[in-house]
Amino acid sequence: MPGHEFQRIARLAARFGRPPAPDVGIGDDCAVLFPTGAVVATVDAAVEGVHFRRDLLSLEDASSRAVEAAASDVAAMGGDLEGVGCGLLLAWTFPVTLSDDDFDALARGAQRAAARLGARVIGGNLAAAPTLTLTTTVLGRAPAGQLTRGGARPGDVVAVSGVIGAAALGLHALLAGRGGDANFAPYVARWRSPRARVDIGRSIAATAHAAIDVSDGLAQDVGHLAEASGCAIRLFGETLPMLTDQRAQAAALGLDAVELALTGGEDYELVATGSRETFGPEWTVIGEVTEGAGVTVLEAGVARRLGAGWDHFRA
C-alpha cells in the first residue's frame, strides 16, 4: 500500500531539509521567511494530460520541469532564488493509487531542480485527486531591481538567450514517434529538461529595460512586451538562434523551423530589450523596438504571417 499523507510529508521533509536560519520550513503550519529587499513571487501549475504525458517523459522529469518552469518567471524579472527569504512551495495532487516509488520520483525531480537553482523547498501541500497536478510557488528576491514587461522603448534592440524552437521540435519528434532517433535526442532533452535562466536574468537586471521568459512562443511573448510597453517590435527571422541542424531536422518532420521557433514555446529562454551593450555573448540580437503597436516578423524582407502561441483557453 502507498504511504499515507503524513508519512509522505515526512519523506519530503527528510529529503529537502530545512532552510537557512532564521527562516522556518517544512514541519509547521506555515513557512516563515525574513526576506531582504523586494520579493518576487509566482505560482505555476503543471497538469498531467495538459502540460505533460507519462508516455513522453518520466515522473522525475515532469517534477523537475514543473519547478524549472515556475522559476523561469522569476528569472524573467531578474530575481534570485538563493539565500534567506527565498524558497519553493510544492502543492501536489495525485490519485490515491500513486505508488511510493512514483512519489519518490516526483520528489527526486523537484530536488534536482531545486539543487540546480540553489533554492530550498520550504513547504507545500499534498492532496488526493483524480489528476496528477504539480503546482509550484516560487518566492525569490530582486536585489538589482525588478525587470518588468513594460519598460521597452523605441531604439532598444531585442535579444534572446540560448536557442529558440529546439524544445518544440523535441516535442514534435516525440509525438511523431521519432523521440528515440539519435538526430532528435538534443531536442527531446531540451523539452524534457528545460532550465530556468536565473543566472542570465540576474546578469541584465540592472541594465535591461524589459524582459519576459519564452514559455508560450517567442512571437506571442514578445507581443506581451510590446503591449505592456506601448510600442512595436520588429523581429528578423533570419537571426533567430538555433542548433546547428535544427532547420534540417524540422524539415524532416515536415515543419518550418522558423515558424516553430516563433510559435512553439517551452524554451524557457529569456527575451529582453535594452541597449546593444546590455547583452553579452550568450545573447543574440533578433529585433528592434519601434514606435507603434504589435509585432512584425521579417524574413528575407517579407513580413511573415504567424500562427498562434499557446493559450490554455483557446479551442
C-alpha atoms as a PDB file:
ATOM      1  CA  MET A   1       0.000   0.000   0.000  1.00  0.00           C
ATOM      2  CA  PRO A   2       1.232   3.537  -0.748  1.00  0.00           C
ATOM      3  CA  GLY A   3       2.282   5.595   2.281  1.00  0.00           C
ATOM      4  CA  HIS A   4      -0.281   7.862   3.891  1.00  0.00           C
ATOM      5  CA  GLU A   5      -0.219  11.679   3.813  1.00  0.00           C
ATOM      6  CA  PHE A   6       1.906  12.310   6.890  1.00  0.00           C
ATOM      7  CA  GLN A   7       4.395   9.586   6.036  1.00  0.00           C
ATOM      8  CA  ARG A   8       4.893  11.207   2.671  1.00  0.00           C
ATOM      9  CA  ILE A   9       5.289  14.678   4.193  1.00  0.00           C
ATOM     10  CA  ALA A  10       7.946  13.187   6.479  1.00  0.00           C
ATOM     11  CA  ARG A  11       9.707  11.728   3.431  1.00  0.00           C
ATOM     12  CA  LEU A  12       9.758  15.169   1.819  1.00  0.00           C
ATOM     13  CA  ALA A  13      10.998  16.843   4.998  1.00  0.00           C
ATOM     14  CA  ALA A  14      13.848  14.332   5.236  1.00  0.00           C
ATOM     15  CA  ARG A  15      14.754  14.862   1.585  1.00  0.00           C
ATOM     16  CA  PHE A  16      14.580  18.665   1.449  1.00  0.00           C
ATOM     17  CA  GLY A  17      15.875  19.560   4.910  1.00  0.00           C
ATOM     18  CA  ARG A  18      15.497  22.979   6.498  1.00  0.00           C
ATOM     19  CA  PRO A  19      16.089  26.457   5.064  1.00  0.00           C
ATOM     20  CA  PRO A  20      18.881  28.646   6.447  1.00  0.00           C
ATOM     21  CA  ALA A  21      18.149  30.373   9.772  1.00  0.00           C
ATOM     22  CA  PRO A  22      16.172  32.411  10.646  1.00  0.00           C
ATOM     23  CA  ASP A  23      13.733  31.072   8.031  1.00  0.00           C
ATOM     24  CA  VAL A  24      11.380  28.238   9.072  1.00  0.00           C
ATOM     25  CA  GLY A  25      10.484  25.495   6.586  1.00  0.00           C
ATOM     26  CA  ILE A  26       8.690  22.140   6.413  1.00  0.00           C
ATOM     27  CA  GLY A  27       7.080  20.920   9.610  1.00  0.00           C
ATOM     28  CA  ASP A  28       4.911  23.832  10.723  1.00  0.00           C
ATOM     29  CA  ASP A  29       1.593  25.246   9.528  1.00  0.00           C
ATOM     30  CA  CYS A  30       3.424  27.891   7.506  1.00  0.00           C
ATOM     31  CA  ALA A  31       6.912  28.598   6.328  1.00  0.00           C
ATOM     32  CA  VAL A  32       8.378  31.759   7.854  1.00  0.00           C
ATOM     33  CA  LEU A  33      10.698  33.929   5.775  1.00  0.00           C
ATOM     34  CA  PHE A  34      12.744  37.018   6.551  1.00  0.00           C
ATOM     35  CA  PRO A  35      13.462  38.481   3.112  1.00  0.00           C
ATOM     36  CA  THR A  36      15.832  41.322   2.418  1.00  0.00           C
ATOM     37  CA  GLY A  37      14.769  43.710  -0.333  1.00  0.00           C
ATOM     38  CA  ALA A  38      11.984  43.254  -2.851  1.00  0.00           C
ATOM     39  CA  VAL A  39      10.168  39.898  -3.022  1.00  0.00           C
ATOM     40  CA  VAL A  40       9.256  38.380  -6.394  1.00  0.00           C
ATOM     41  CA  ALA A  41       6.592  35.663  -6.224  1.00  0.00           C
ATOM     42  CA  THR A  42       4.936  33.422  -8.790  1.00  0.00           C
ATOM     43  CA  VAL A  43       2.891  30.222  -8.969  1.00  0.00           C
ATOM     44  CA  ASP A  44       2.673  27.771 -11.859  1.00  0.00           C
ATOM     45  CA  ALA A  45       0.730  24.530 -12.345  1.00  0.00           C
ATOM     46  CA  ALA A  46       1.744  21.508 -14.429  1.00  0.00           C
ATOM     47  CA  VAL A  47      -1.254  19.251 -15.095  1.00  0.00           C
ATOM     48  CA  GLU A  48      -0.980  15.715 -16.429  1.00  0.00           C
ATOM     49  CA  GLY A  49      -2.629  15.486 -19.829  1.00  0.00           C
ATOM     50  CA  VAL A  50      -2.218  19.227 -20.417  1.00  0.00           C
ATOM     51  CA  HIS A  51       1.442  20.020 -19.781  1.00  0.00           C
ATOM     52  CA  PHE A  52       2.905  16.531 -19.842  1.00  0.00           C
ATOM     53  CA  ARG A  53       2.145  12.883 -20.552  1.00  0.00           C
ATOM     54  CA  ARG A  54       3.761   9.953 -18.806  1.00  0.00           C
ATOM     55  CA  ASP A  55       4.379   8.193 -22.100  1.00  0.00           C
ATOM     56  CA  LEU A  56       6.568  11.131 -23.174  1.00  0.00           C
ATOM     57  CA  LEU A  57       8.639  11.750 -20.049  1.00  0.00           C
ATOM     58  CA  SER A  58       9.319  10.273 -16.636  1.00  0.00           C
ATOM     59  CA  LEU A  59       7.685  11.484 -13.438  1.00  0.00           C
ATOM     60  CA  GLU A  60      11.092  12.669 -12.243  1.00  0.00           C
ATOM     61  CA  ASP A  61      11.460  14.814 -15.363  1.00  0.00           C
ATOM     62  CA  ALA A  62       7.866  16.058 -15.053  1.00  0.00           C
ATOM     63  CA  SER A  63       8.510  17.235 -11.495  1.00  0.00           C
ATOM     64  CA  SER A  64      11.841  18.860 -12.314  1.00  0.00           C
ATOM     65  CA  ARG A  65      10.292  20.522 -15.343  1.00  0.00           C
ATOM     66  CA  ALA A  66       7.440  21.932 -13.219  1.00  0.00           C
ATOM     67  CA  VAL A  67       9.892  23.624 -10.843  1.00  0.00           C
ATOM     68  CA  GLU A  68      12.059  24.992 -13.664  1.00  0.00           C
ATOM     69  CA  ALA A  69       9.031  26.405 -15.490  1.00  0.00           C
ATOM     70  CA  ALA A  70       7.882  28.250 -12.370  1.00  0.00           C
ATOM     71  CA  ALA A  71      11.381  29.538 -11.638  1.00  0.00           C
ATOM     72  CA  SER A  72      11.615  30.869 -15.194  1.00  0.00           C
ATOM     73  CA  ASP A  73       9.135  33.612 -14.283  1.00  0.00           C
ATOM     74  CA  VAL A  74      11.475  34.774 -11.515  1.00  0.00           C
ATOM     75  CA  ALA A  75      14.378  34.685 -13.985  1.00  0.00           C
ATOM     76  CA  ALA A  76      12.441  36.986 -16.324  1.00  0.00           C
ATOM     77  CA  MET A  77      12.274  39.629 -13.590  1.00  0.00           C
ATOM     78  CA  GLY A  78      15.950  39.440 -12.681  1.00  0.00           C
ATOM     79  CA  GLY A  79      15.189  37.575  -9.468  1.00  0.00           C
ATOM     80  CA  ASP A  80      17.375  35.419  -7.255  1.00  0.00           C
ATOM     81  CA  LEU A  81      16.364  32.148  -5.547  1.00  0.00           C
ATOM     82  CA  GLU A  82      19.285  31.665  -3.177  1.00  0.00           C
ATOM     83  CA  GLY A  83      19.612  32.555   0.499  1.00  0.00           C
ATOM     84  CA  VAL A  84      17.415  33.793   3.318  1.00  0.00           C
ATOM     85  CA  GLY A  85      13.905  34.822   2.329  1.00  0.00           C
ATOM     86  CA  CYS A  86      13.685  32.576  -0.756  1.00  0.00           C
ATOM     87  CA  GLY A  87      12.036  29.207  -1.252  1.00  0.00           C
ATOM     88  CA  LEU A  88       9.772  26.833  -3.152  1.00  0.00           C
ATOM     89  CA  LEU A  89       6.313  25.651  -2.069  1.00  0.00           C
ATOM     90  CA  LEU A  90       5.153  22.426  -3.729  1.00  0.00           C
ATOM     91  CA  ALA A  91       1.421  21.649  -3.903  1.00  0.00           C
ATOM     92  CA  TRP A  92       0.826  18.234  -5.448  1.00  0.00           C
ATOM     93  CA  THR A  93      -2.392  16.371  -6.137  1.00  0.00           C
ATOM     94  CA  PHE A  94      -2.384  12.755  -7.290  1.00  0.00           C
ATOM     95  CA  PRO A  95      -4.548   9.613  -7.298  1.00  0.00           C
ATOM     96  CA  VAL A  96      -4.522   7.526  -4.128  1.00  0.00           C
ATOM     97  CA  THR A  97      -3.084   4.675  -6.205  1.00  0.00           C
ATOM     98  CA  LEU A  98       0.184   6.543  -6.870  1.00  0.00           C
ATOM     99  CA  SER A  99       2.934   4.228  -5.635  1.00  0.00           C
ATOM    100  CA  ASP A 100       5.674   5.183  -3.195  1.00  0.00           C
ATOM    101  CA  ASP A 101       8.210   4.669  -5.997  1.00  0.00           C
ATOM    102  CA  ASP A 102       6.350   7.151  -8.202  1.00  0.00           C
ATOM    103  CA  PHE A 103       6.042   9.579  -5.291  1.00  0.00           C
ATOM    104  CA  ASP A 104       9.784   9.344  -4.690  1.00  0.00           C
ATOM    105  CA  ALA A 105      10.385  10.000  -8.401  1.00  0.00           C
ATOM    106  CA  LEU A 106       8.392  13.223  -8.104  1.00  0.00           C
ATOM    107  CA  ALA A 107      10.425  14.206  -5.050  1.00  0.00           C
ATOM    108  CA  ARG A 108      13.728  13.455  -6.820  1.00  0.00           C
ATOM    109  CA  GLY A 109      12.746  15.643  -9.744  1.00  0.00           C
ATOM    110  CA  ALA A 110      11.863  18.591  -7.526  1.00  0.00           C
ATOM    111  CA  GLN A 111      15.070  18.085  -5.552  1.00  0.00           C
ATOM    112  CA  ARG A 112      17.133  18.001  -8.744  1.00  0.00           C
ATOM    113  CA  ALA A 113      15.707  21.290  -9.984  1.00  0.00           C
ATOM    114  CA  ALA A 114      15.929  22.957  -6.575  1.00  0.00           C
ATOM    115  CA  ALA A 115      19.576  21.961  -6.215  1.00  0.00           C
ATOM    116  CA  ARG A 116      20.432  23.298  -9.664  1.00  0.00           C
ATOM    117  CA  LEU A 117      18.682  26.583  -8.897  1.00  0.00           C
ATOM    118  CA  GLY A 118      20.221  26.906  -5.439  1.00  0.00           C
ATOM    119  CA  ALA A 119      16.693  27.045  -3.985  1.00  0.00           C
ATOM    120  CA  ARG A 120      15.146  25.461  -0.891  1.00  0.00           C
ATOM    121  CA  VAL A 121      11.830  23.609  -0.699  1.00  0.00           C
ATOM    122  CA  ILE A 122      10.192  25.173   2.375  1.00  0.00           C
ATOM    123  CA  GLY A 123       6.701  23.655   2.350  1.00  0.00           C
ATOM    124  CA  GLY A 124       3.615  22.882   0.326  1.00  0.00           C
ATOM    125  CA  ASN A 125       0.595  20.593   0.331  1.00  0.00           C
ATOM    126  CA  LEU A 126      -0.419  17.069  -0.682  1.00  0.00           C
ATOM    127  CA  ALA A 127      -3.967  16.092  -1.654  1.00  0.00           C
ATOM    128  CA  ALA A 128      -5.749  13.179  -3.303  1.00  0.00           C
ATOM    129  CA  ALA A 129      -7.336  13.938  -6.685  1.00  0.00           C
ATOM    130  CA  PRO A 130      -8.143  12.133  -9.942  1.00  0.00           C
ATOM    131  CA  THR A 131      -5.406  14.028 -11.802  1.00  0.00           C
ATOM    132  CA  LEU A 132      -1.712  14.449 -11.116  1.00  0.00           C
ATOM    133  CA  THR A 133      -1.042  18.180 -10.768  1.00  0.00           C
ATOM    134  CA  LEU A 134       2.283  19.709  -9.767  1.00  0.00           C
ATOM    135  CA  THR A 135       1.882  23.301  -8.596  1.00  0.00           C
ATOM    136  CA  THR A 136       4.976  25.282  -7.653  1.00  0.00           C
ATOM    137  CA  THR A 137       5.074  28.598  -5.834  1.00  0.00           C
ATOM    138  CA  VAL A 138       8.410  30.383  -6.055  1.00  0.00           C
ATOM    139  CA  LEU A 139       9.459  33.124  -3.640  1.00  0.00           C
ATOM    140  CA  GLY A 140      12.579  34.968  -4.712  1.00  0.00           C
ATOM    141  CA  ARG A 141      14.188  38.336  -4.289  1.00  0.00           C
ATOM    142  CA  ALA A 142      15.222  41.040  -6.719  1.00  0.00           C
ATOM    143  CA  PRO A 143      18.409  42.608  -5.349  1.00  0.00           C
ATOM    144  CA  ALA A 144      19.210  44.562  -8.517  1.00  0.00           C
ATOM    145  CA  GLY A 145      15.713  45.972  -9.083  1.00  0.00           C
ATOM    146  CA  GLN A 146      12.840  44.370 -10.921  1.00  0.00           C
ATOM    147  CA  LEU A 147      12.614  43.867 -14.649  1.00  0.00           C
ATOM    148  CA  THR A 148       9.059  44.052 -15.984  1.00  0.00           C
ATOM    149  CA  ARG A 149       7.377  43.655 -19.349  1.00  0.00           C
ATOM    150  CA  GLY A 150       6.580  47.338 -19.581  1.00  0.00           C
ATOM    151  CA  GLY A 151       9.940  49.074 -19.954  1.00  0.00           C
ATOM    152  CA  ALA A 152      10.792  48.591 -23.640  1.00  0.00           C
ATOM    153  CA  ARG A 153      11.368  51.833 -25.539  1.00  0.00           C
ATOM    154  CA  PRO A 154      11.885  52.752 -29.197  1.00  0.00           C
ATOM    155  CA  GLY A 155      15.535  52.415 -30.109  1.00  0.00           C
ATOM    156  CA  ASP A 156      16.060  49.306 -27.957  1.00  0.00           C
ATOM    157  CA  VAL A 157      17.338  46.113 -29.500  1.00  0.00           C
ATOM    158  CA  VAL A 158      15.516  42.854 -28.760  1.00  0.00           C
ATOM    159  CA  ALA A 159      17.741  39.954 -27.689  1.00  0.00           C
ATOM    160  CA  VAL A 160      17.141  36.343 -26.714  1.00  0.00           C
ATOM    161  CA  SER A 161      19.260  33.973 -24.648  1.00  0.00           C
ATOM    162  CA  GLY A 162      20.189  30.497 -25.835  1.00  0.00           C
ATOM    163  CA  VAL A 163      18.389  28.870 -28.774  1.00  0.00           C
ATOM    164  CA  ILE A 164      14.724  29.037 -29.735  1.00  0.00           C
ATOM    165  CA  GLY A 165      12.407  26.339 -31.061  1.00  0.00           C
ATOM    166  CA  ALA A 166      14.501  23.339 -30.032  1.00  0.00           C
ATOM    167  CA  ALA A 167      12.134  22.244 -27.252  1.00  0.00           C
ATOM    168  CA  ALA A 168       9.083  22.431 -29.512  1.00  0.00           C
ATOM    169  CA  LEU A 169      10.927  20.376 -32.135  1.00  0.00           C
ATOM    170  CA  GLY A 170      11.700  17.772 -29.468  1.00  0.00           C
ATOM    171  CA  LEU A 171       8.027  17.546 -28.522  1.00  0.00           C
ATOM    172  CA  HIS A 172       7.013  17.152 -32.162  1.00  0.00           C
ATOM    173  CA  ALA A 173       9.588  14.372 -32.552  1.00  0.00           C
ATOM    174  CA  LEU A 174       8.113  12.554 -29.542  1.00  0.00           C
ATOM    175  CA  LEU A 175       4.560  12.954 -30.825  1.00  0.00           C
ATOM    176  CA  ALA A 176       5.653  11.617 -34.232  1.00  0.00           C
ATOM    177  CA  GLY A 177       7.205   8.535 -32.624  1.00  0.00           C
ATOM    178  CA  ARG A 178      10.718   9.741 -33.508  1.00  0.00           C
ATOM    179  CA  GLY A 179      11.877  10.610 -29.994  1.00  0.00           C
ATOM    180  CA  GLY A 180      14.278   7.676 -29.923  1.00  0.00           C
ATOM    181  CA  ASP A 181      16.106   8.776 -33.084  1.00  0.00           C
ATOM    182  CA  ALA A 182      19.642   9.960 -32.314  1.00  0.00           C
ATOM    183  CA  ASN A 183      19.172  13.021 -34.515  1.00  0.00           C
ATOM    184  CA  PHE A 184      16.348  14.248 -32.298  1.00  0.00           C
ATOM    185  CA  ALA A 185      17.959  13.435 -28.939  1.00  0.00           C
ATOM    186  CA  PRO A 186      19.226  17.003 -28.237  1.00  0.00           C
ATOM    187  CA  TYR A 187      15.772  18.407 -28.981  1.00  0.00           C
ATOM    188  CA  VAL A 188      13.907  15.868 -26.858  1.00  0.00           C
ATOM    189  CA  ALA A 189      16.292  16.632 -23.973  1.00  0.00           C
ATOM    190  CA  ARG A 190      15.533  20.347 -24.246  1.00  0.00           C
ATOM    191  CA  TRP A 191      11.791  19.672 -23.978  1.00  0.00           C
ATOM    192  CA  ARG A 192      12.079  17.148 -21.165  1.00  0.00           C
ATOM    193  CA  SER A 193      14.663  19.031 -19.094  1.00  0.00           C
ATOM    194  CA  PRO A 194      14.428  22.804 -19.555  1.00  0.00           C
ATOM    195  CA  ARG A 195      16.498  25.133 -17.384  1.00  0.00           C
ATOM    196  CA  ALA A 196      15.249  28.408 -15.988  1.00  0.00           C
ATOM    197  CA  ARG A 197      17.777  31.129 -16.902  1.00  0.00           C
ATOM    198  CA  VAL A 198      18.033  32.688 -13.459  1.00  0.00           C
ATOM    199  CA  ASP A 199      21.745  33.391 -13.920  1.00  0.00           C
ATOM    200  CA  ILE A 200      21.110  35.225 -17.198  1.00  0.00           C
ATOM    201  CA  GLY A 201      18.237  37.214 -15.744  1.00  0.00           C
ATOM    202  CA  ARG A 202      20.364  38.400 -12.825  1.00  0.00           C
ATOM    203  CA  SER A 203      23.128  39.490 -15.189  1.00  0.00           C
ATOM    204  CA  ILE A 204      20.906  42.009 -17.005  1.00  0.00           C
ATOM    205  CA  ALA A 205      18.575  43.009 -14.166  1.00  0.00           C
ATOM    206  CA  ALA A 206      20.213  46.389 -13.609  1.00  0.00           C
ATOM    207  CA  THR A 207      20.659  47.368 -17.259  1.00  0.00           C
ATOM    208  CA  ALA A 208      17.918  45.841 -19.461  1.00  0.00           C
ATOM    209  CA  HIS A 209      14.677  47.772 -19.961  1.00  0.00           C
ATOM    210  CA  ALA A 210      12.123  44.907 -20.205  1.00  0.00           C
ATOM    211  CA  ALA A 211      12.108  41.102 -20.214  1.00  0.00           C
ATOM    212  CA  ILE A 212       9.890  38.027 -20.359  1.00  0.00           C
ATOM    213  CA  ASP A 213      10.524  34.290 -20.474  1.00  0.00           C
ATOM    214  CA  VAL A 214       9.729  32.350 -23.631  1.00  0.00           C
ATOM    215  CA  SER A 215       7.104  29.877 -22.463  1.00  0.00           C
ATOM    216  CA  ASP A 216       4.127  30.321 -24.798  1.00  0.00           C
ATOM    217  CA  GLY A 217       6.019  31.038 -28.037  1.00  0.00           C
ATOM    218  CA  LEU A 218       8.546  33.761 -28.903  1.00  0.00           C
ATOM    219  CA  ALA A 219       6.197  35.865 -31.038  1.00  0.00           C
ATOM    220  CA  GLN A 220       3.360  35.736 -28.517  1.00  0.00           C
ATOM    221  CA  ASP A 221       5.639  36.522 -25.564  1.00  0.00           C
ATOM    222  CA  VAL A 222       7.305  39.380 -27.454  1.00  0.00           C
ATOM    223  CA  GLY A 223       3.775  40.606 -28.162  1.00  0.00           C
ATOM    224  CA  HIS A 224       3.222  40.851 -24.403  1.00  0.00           C
ATOM    225  CA  LEU A 225       6.324  43.052 -24.168  1.00  0.00           C
ATOM    226  CA  ALA A 226       5.111  45.294 -26.976  1.00  0.00           C
ATOM    227  CA  GLU A 227       1.632  45.646 -25.496  1.00  0.00           C
ATOM    228  CA  ALA A 228       2.833  46.318 -21.947  1.00  0.00           C
ATOM    229  CA  SER A 229       5.370  48.870 -23.202  1.00  0.00           C
ATOM    230  CA  GLY A 230       3.046  50.653 -25.653  1.00  0.00           C
ATOM    231  CA  CYS A 231       5.376  50.180 -28.610  1.00  0.00           C
ATOM    232  CA  ALA A 232       6.003  47.978 -31.647  1.00  0.00           C
ATOM    233  CA  ILE A 233       8.592  45.229 -32.056  1.00  0.00           C
ATOM    234  CA  ARG A 234      10.132  44.054 -35.311  1.00  0.00           C
ATOM    235  CA  LEU A 235      11.790  40.619 -35.331  1.00  0.00           C
ATOM    236  CA  PHE A 236      14.173  39.315 -38.001  1.00  0.00           C
ATOM    237  CA  GLY A 237      13.519  35.657 -38.793  1.00  0.00           C
ATOM    238  CA  GLU A 238      16.994  35.002 -40.199  1.00  0.00           C
ATOM    239  CA  THR A 239      18.655  35.901 -36.905  1.00  0.00           C
ATOM    240  CA  LEU A 240      16.747  33.510 -34.627  1.00  0.00           C
ATOM    241  CA  PRO A 241      19.355  31.366 -32.821  1.00  0.00           C
ATOM    242  CA  MET A 242      19.014  27.625 -33.450  1.00  0.00           C
ATOM    243  CA  LEU A 243      21.061  24.473 -33.037  1.00  0.00           C
ATOM    244  CA  THR A 244      23.294  23.616 -35.980  1.00  0.00           C
ATOM    245  CA  ASP A 245      20.968  21.137 -37.711  1.00  0.00           C
ATOM    246  CA  GLN A 246      17.671  22.468 -36.369  1.00  0.00           C
ATOM    247  CA  ARG A 247      16.304  23.609 -39.714  1.00  0.00           C
ATOM    248  CA  ALA A 248      17.111  20.269 -41.347  1.00  0.00           C
ATOM    249  CA  GLN A 249      15.617  18.238 -38.500  1.00  0.00           C
ATOM    250  CA  ALA A 250      12.452  20.340 -38.535  1.00  0.00           C
ATOM    251  CA  ALA A 251      12.146  19.769 -42.276  1.00  0.00           C
ATOM    252  CA  ALA A 252      12.494  16.004 -41.694  1.00  0.00           C
ATOM    253  CA  LEU A 253       9.261  16.217 -39.694  1.00  0.00           C
ATOM    254  CA  GLY A 254       7.575  18.407 -42.291  1.00  0.00           C
ATOM    255  CA  LEU A 255       7.901  21.506 -40.092  1.00  0.00           C
ATOM    256  CA  ASP A 256       9.113  25.043 -40.713  1.00  0.00           C
ATOM    257  CA  ALA A 257      11.926  25.748 -38.224  1.00  0.00           C
ATOM    258  CA  VAL A 258      11.301  29.496 -38.132  1.00  0.00           C
ATOM    259  CA  GLU A 259       7.559  29.085 -37.582  1.00  0.00           C
ATOM    260  CA  LEU A 260       8.308  26.567 -34.817  1.00  0.00           C
ATOM    261  CA  ALA A 261      10.812  28.928 -33.198  1.00  0.00           C
ATOM    262  CA  LEU A 262       8.289  31.760 -33.249  1.00  0.00           C
ATOM    263  CA  THR A 263       5.246  29.861 -32.008  1.00  0.00           C
ATOM    264  CA  GLY A 264       6.388  26.587 -30.416  1.00  0.00           C
ATOM    265  CA  GLY A 265       7.078  27.735 -26.857  1.00  0.00           C
ATOM    266  CA  GLU A 266       8.512  25.912 -23.818  1.00  0.00           C
ATOM    267  CA  ASP A 267      12.068  27.099 -24.466  1.00  0.00           C
ATOM    268  CA  TYR A 268      12.211  28.922 -21.108  1.00  0.00           C
ATOM    269  CA  GLU A 269      14.874  31.210 -22.516  1.00  0.00           C
ATOM    270  CA  LEU A 270      14.630  34.946 -21.845  1.00  0.00           C
ATOM    271  CA  VAL A 271      13.876  37.681 -24.346  1.00  0.00           C
ATOM    272  CA  ALA A 272      14.747  41.216 -23.308  1.00  0.00           C
ATOM    273  CA  THR A 273      15.142  44.744 -24.622  1.00  0.00           C
ATOM    274  CA  GLY A 274      17.791  47.363 -23.947  1.00  0.00           C
ATOM    275  CA  SER A 275      20.887  48.904 -25.462  1.00  0.00           C
ATOM    276  CA  ARG A 276      23.096  46.639 -27.553  1.00  0.00           C
ATOM    277  CA  GLU A 277      25.816  46.912 -24.898  1.00  0.00           C
ATOM    278  CA  THR A 278      23.499  45.275 -22.329  1.00  0.00           C
ATOM    279  CA  PHE A 279      23.754  41.854 -23.935  1.00  0.00           C
ATOM    280  CA  GLY A 280      26.801  39.604 -23.711  1.00  0.00           C
ATOM    281  CA  PRO A 281      27.859  36.586 -25.789  1.00  0.00           C
ATOM    282  CA  GLU A 282      25.071  34.307 -24.545  1.00  0.00           C
ATOM    283  CA  TRP A 283      22.516  36.609 -26.158  1.00  0.00           C
ATOM    284  CA  THR A 284      21.516  37.026 -29.808  1.00  0.00           C
ATOM    285  CA  VAL A 285      20.026  40.274 -31.088  1.00  0.00           C
ATOM    286  CA  ILE A 286      16.892  39.298 -33.017  1.00  0.00           C
ATOM    287  CA  GLY A 287      14.981  42.535 -33.487  1.00  0.00           C
ATOM    288  CA  GLU A 288      14.279  46.131 -32.555  1.00  0.00           C
ATOM    289  CA  VAL A 289      11.720  48.228 -30.715  1.00  0.00           C
ATOM    290  CA  THR A 290       9.973  50.971 -32.704  1.00  0.00           C
ATOM    291  CA  GLU A 291       7.104  53.401 -32.406  1.00  0.00           C
ATOM    292  CA  GLY A 292       3.666  51.888 -32.990  1.00  0.00           C
ATOM    293  CA  ALA A 293       1.991  48.690 -31.827  1.00  0.00           C
ATOM    294  CA  GLY A 294       2.165  44.950 -32.362  1.00  0.00           C
ATOM    295  CA  VAL A 295       4.828  42.534 -33.603  1.00  0.00           C
ATOM    296  CA  THR A 296       6.117  42.116 -37.146  1.00  0.00           C
ATOM    297  CA  VAL A 297       8.416  39.317 -38.243  1.00  0.00           C
ATOM    298  CA  LEU A 298      10.517  39.930 -41.337  1.00  0.00           C
ATOM    299  CA  GLU A 299      12.150  37.109 -43.265  1.00  0.00           C
ATOM    300  CA  ALA A 300      14.089  37.914 -46.437  1.00  0.00           C
ATOM    301  CA  GLY A 301      12.481  41.354 -46.259  1.00  0.00           C
ATOM    302  CA  VAL A 302       8.944  39.950 -46.309  1.00  0.00           C
ATOM    303  CA  ALA A 303       6.509  40.266 -43.407  1.00  0.00           C
ATOM    304  CA  ARG A 304       5.600  36.821 -42.104  1.00  0.00           C
ATOM    305  CA  ARG A 305       2.135  35.750 -41.011  1.00  0.00           C
ATOM    306  CA  LEU A 306       2.302  33.848 -37.723  1.00  0.00           C
ATOM    307  CA  GLY A 307       0.323  31.071 -36.145  1.00  0.00           C
ATOM    308  CA  ALA A 308      -0.845  31.440 -32.539  1.00  0.00           C
ATOM    309  CA  GLY A 309       1.244  30.643 -29.496  1.00  0.00           C
ATOM    310  CA  TRP A 310      -0.029  28.594 -26.568  1.00  0.00           C
ATOM    311  CA  ASP A 311      -3.300  29.639 -24.967  1.00  0.00           C
ATOM    312  CA  HIS A 312      -4.898  27.400 -22.321  1.00  0.00           C
ATOM    313  CA  PHE A 313      -8.403  28.523 -23.164  1.00  0.00           C
ATOM    314  CA  ARG A 314      -8.324  28.640 -26.957  1.00  0.00           C
ATOM    315  CA  ALA A 315     -10.265  25.800 -28.541  1.00  0.00           C
END
